[in-house]
Amino acid sequence: MPRELQPCGTPAAYMRHKRHGQDACRVCLDAMSERNRASYAADPERARELARERMRRYSARQRRREATA
């Protein structure tokens, strides 16, 4: 028996949009943003680690782009 789909406005629905290659609707974006805020607030050190990792990846992409330009 298939599982019941979660309605828009939930993180599960946001992920469903993304899996199907769709842009998430506003209520799903808001739900995912709220989930992320709560997650980061619960563990600020982890949030800082993630931010540092994103900056490292961004910097590496920028260097590759500049090298190929």
N, C-alpha and C. Protein backbone atom coordinates (compact mmCIF):
# COMPACT_ATOMS: atom_id res chain seq x y z
N MET A 1 0.84 -1.17 0.00
CA MET A 1 0.00 0.00 0.00
C MET A 1 0.89 1.25 0.00
N PRO A 2 0.68 2.17 -0.94
CA PRO A 2 1.52 3.37 -1.00
C PRO A 2 1.28 4.28 0.20
N ARG A 3 2.33 5.00 0.54
CA ARG A 3 2.22 5.96 1.65
C ARG A 3 1.41 7.16 1.22
N GLU A 4 0.81 7.79 2.20
CA GLU A 4 0.04 9.00 1.94
C GLU A 4 1.00 10.17 1.72
N LEU A 5 0.78 10.93 0.65
CA LEU A 5 1.62 12.10 0.38
C LEU A 5 1.34 13.20 1.39
N GLN A 6 2.42 13.81 1.85
CA GLN A 6 2.27 14.94 2.76
C GLN A 6 1.82 16.16 1.95
N PRO A 7 0.99 17.00 2.54
CA PRO A 7 0.50 18.17 1.82
C PRO A 7 1.59 19.24 1.69
N CYS A 8 1.40 20.14 0.75
CA CYS A 8 2.31 21.28 0.63
C CYS A 8 2.34 22.02 1.96
N GLY A 9 3.51 22.58 2.26
CA GLY A 9 3.68 23.27 3.53
C GLY A 9 4.44 22.41 4.53
N THR A 10 5.02 21.31 4.05
CA THR A 10 5.81 20.43 4.91
C THR A 10 7.17 20.21 4.26
N PRO A 11 8.20 19.90 5.06
CA PRO A 11 9.50 19.59 4.47
C PRO A 11 9.44 18.40 3.50
N ALA A 12 8.58 17.43 3.79
CA ALA A 12 8.45 16.28 2.89
C ALA A 12 7.94 16.72 1.52
N ALA A 13 6.99 17.62 1.49
CA ALA A 13 6.47 18.10 0.21
C ALA A 13 7.53 18.91 -0.53
N TYR A 14 8.34 19.68 0.20
CA TYR A 14 9.45 20.42 -0.42
C TYR A 14 10.38 19.44 -1.14
N MET A 15 10.75 18.35 -0.45
CA MET A 15 11.64 17.37 -1.05
C MET A 15 10.98 16.68 -2.25
N ARG A 16 9.69 16.47 -2.19
CA ARG A 16 8.98 15.88 -3.33
C ARG A 16 9.07 16.79 -4.55
N HIS A 17 8.87 18.10 -4.33
CA HIS A 17 9.02 19.05 -5.44
C HIS A 17 10.41 18.89 -6.06
N LYS A 18 11.43 18.88 -5.23
CA LYS A 18 12.80 18.81 -5.71
C LYS A 18 13.09 17.49 -6.43
N ARG A 19 12.60 16.39 -5.90
CA ARG A 19 12.81 15.09 -6.56
C ARG A 19 12.19 15.06 -7.95
N HIS A 20 11.09 15.77 -8.11
CA HIS A 20 10.40 15.79 -9.40
C HIS A 20 10.92 16.89 -10.33
N GLY A 21 11.96 17.59 -9.90
CA GLY A 21 12.56 18.63 -10.73
C GLY A 21 11.75 19.90 -10.80
N GLN A 22 10.87 20.10 -9.82
CA GLN A 22 10.01 21.28 -9.80
C GLN A 22 10.58 22.35 -8.87
N ASP A 23 10.18 23.59 -9.12
CA ASP A 23 10.45 24.64 -8.14
C ASP A 23 9.46 24.44 -7.01
N ALA A 24 9.94 24.55 -5.78
CA ALA A 24 9.05 24.39 -4.63
C ALA A 24 8.12 25.59 -4.53
N CYS A 25 6.90 25.33 -4.10
CA CYS A 25 5.94 26.42 -3.92
C CYS A 25 6.31 27.22 -2.66
N ARG A 26 5.75 28.39 -2.51
CA ARG A 26 6.10 29.29 -1.41
C ARG A 26 5.88 28.64 -0.05
N VAL A 27 4.77 27.94 0.15
CA VAL A 27 4.50 27.36 1.47
C VAL A 27 5.50 26.24 1.78
N CYS A 28 5.94 25.50 0.78
CA CYS A 28 6.95 24.47 1.00
C CYS A 28 8.31 25.10 1.30
N LEU A 29 8.64 26.17 0.58
CA LEU A 29 9.88 26.88 0.89
C LEU A 29 9.88 27.40 2.31
N ASP A 30 8.76 27.96 2.73
CA ASP A 30 8.65 28.48 4.10
C ASP A 30 8.80 27.36 5.13
N ALA A 31 8.19 26.22 4.85
CA ALA A 31 8.28 25.09 5.78
C ALA A 31 9.73 24.60 5.90
N MET A 32 10.42 24.52 4.78
CA MET A 32 11.81 24.06 4.80
C MET A 32 12.71 25.09 5.48
N SER A 33 12.44 26.37 5.26
CA SER A 33 13.22 27.42 5.92
C SER A 33 13.05 27.34 7.43
N GLU A 34 11.82 27.14 7.86
CA GLU A 34 11.56 27.02 9.30
C GLU A 34 12.27 25.80 9.89
N ARG A 35 12.24 24.72 9.16
CA ARG A 35 12.93 23.51 9.64
C ARG A 35 14.43 23.77 9.78
N ASN A 36 15.02 24.42 8.78
CA ASN A 36 16.45 24.71 8.83
C ASN A 36 16.78 25.66 9.96
N ARG A 37 15.96 26.69 10.14
CA ARG A 37 16.20 27.63 11.25
C ARG A 37 16.18 26.91 12.59
N ALA A 38 15.21 26.04 12.78
CA ALA A 38 15.11 25.29 14.04
C ALA A 38 16.31 24.37 14.23
N SER A 39 16.72 23.74 13.15
CA SER A 39 17.86 22.83 13.22
C SER A 39 19.14 23.59 13.58
N TYR A 40 19.37 24.72 12.93
CA TYR A 40 20.57 25.50 13.21
C TYR A 40 20.53 26.11 14.60
N ALA A 41 19.37 26.52 15.05
CA ALA A 41 19.25 27.10 16.39
C ALA A 41 19.54 26.05 17.46
N ALA A 42 19.19 24.80 17.18
CA ALA A 42 19.41 23.73 18.14
C ALA A 42 20.90 23.39 18.27
N ASP A 43 21.69 23.62 17.22
CA ASP A 43 23.11 23.28 17.24
C ASP A 43 23.91 24.36 16.51
N PRO A 44 24.18 25.47 17.20
CA PRO A 44 24.87 26.59 16.53
C PRO A 44 26.27 26.24 16.01
N GLU A 45 26.98 25.37 16.71
CA GLU A 45 28.32 24.99 16.24
C GLU A 45 28.23 24.26 14.90
N ARG A 46 27.26 23.39 14.76
CA ARG A 46 27.06 22.68 13.49
C ARG A 46 26.71 23.67 12.38
N ALA A 47 25.91 24.67 12.70
CA ALA A 47 25.56 25.70 11.72
C ALA A 47 26.81 26.43 11.25
N ARG A 48 27.72 26.75 12.16
CA ARG A 48 28.96 27.42 11.77
C ARG A 48 29.82 26.51 10.89
N GLU A 49 29.88 25.23 11.24
CA GLU A 49 30.64 24.28 10.42
C GLU A 49 30.08 24.21 9.00
N LEU A 50 28.77 24.15 8.88
CA LEU A 50 28.15 24.10 7.56
C LEU A 50 28.43 25.37 6.76
N ALA A 51 28.39 26.51 7.41
CA ALA A 51 28.66 27.78 6.74
C ALA A 51 30.11 27.82 6.24
N ARG A 52 31.05 27.35 7.06
CA ARG A 52 32.46 27.31 6.63
C ARG A 52 32.63 26.37 5.43
N GLU A 53 31.97 25.22 5.47
CA GLU A 53 32.07 24.26 4.37
C GLU A 53 31.49 24.85 3.09
N ARG A 54 30.36 25.55 3.18
CA ARG A 54 29.78 26.19 1.99
C ARG A 54 30.73 27.22 1.41
N MET A 55 31.40 27.98 2.26
CA MET A 55 32.35 28.98 1.78
C MET A 55 33.54 28.32 1.09
N ARG A 56 34.03 27.21 1.64
CA ARG A 56 35.14 26.51 1.00
C ARG A 56 34.74 26.01 -0.39
N ARG A 57 33.55 25.44 -0.49
CA ARG A 57 33.08 24.95 -1.79
C ARG A 57 32.90 26.10 -2.78
N TYR A 58 32.31 27.19 -2.31
CA TYR A 58 32.10 28.36 -3.17
C TYR A 58 33.44 28.88 -3.67
N SER A 59 34.42 29.01 -2.77
CA SER A 59 35.74 29.52 -3.15
C SER A 59 36.40 28.61 -4.17
N ALA A 60 36.29 27.30 -3.97
CA ALA A 60 36.89 26.36 -4.92
C ALA A 60 36.23 26.49 -6.29
N ARG A 61 34.91 26.63 -6.32
CA ARG A 61 34.22 26.80 -7.62
C ARG A 61 34.68 28.08 -8.30
N GLN A 62 34.81 29.15 -7.54
CA GLN A 62 35.24 30.43 -8.11
C GLN A 62 36.64 30.30 -8.71
N ARG A 63 37.55 29.63 -8.00
CA ARG A 63 38.91 29.46 -8.52
C ARG A 63 38.91 28.64 -9.81
N ARG A 64 38.08 27.59 -9.86
CA ARG A 64 38.01 26.78 -11.09
C ARG A 64 37.47 27.62 -12.25
N ARG A 65 36.45 28.42 -11.98
CA ARG A 65 35.89 29.26 -13.05
C ARG A 65 36.91 30.27 -13.56
N GLU A 66 37.65 30.87 -12.64
CA GLU A 66 38.65 31.85 -13.05
C GLU A 66 39.77 31.19 -13.84
N ALA A 67 40.12 29.96 -13.48
CA ALA A 67 41.19 29.24 -14.18
C ALA A 67 40.78 28.87 -15.60
N THR A 68 39.50 28.62 -15.82
CA THR A 68 39.05 28.22 -17.16
C THR A 68 38.63 29.42 -18.02
N ALA A 69 38.49 30.58 -17.41
CA ALA A 69 38.04 31.76 -18.16
C ALA A 69 39.14 32.38 -18.96
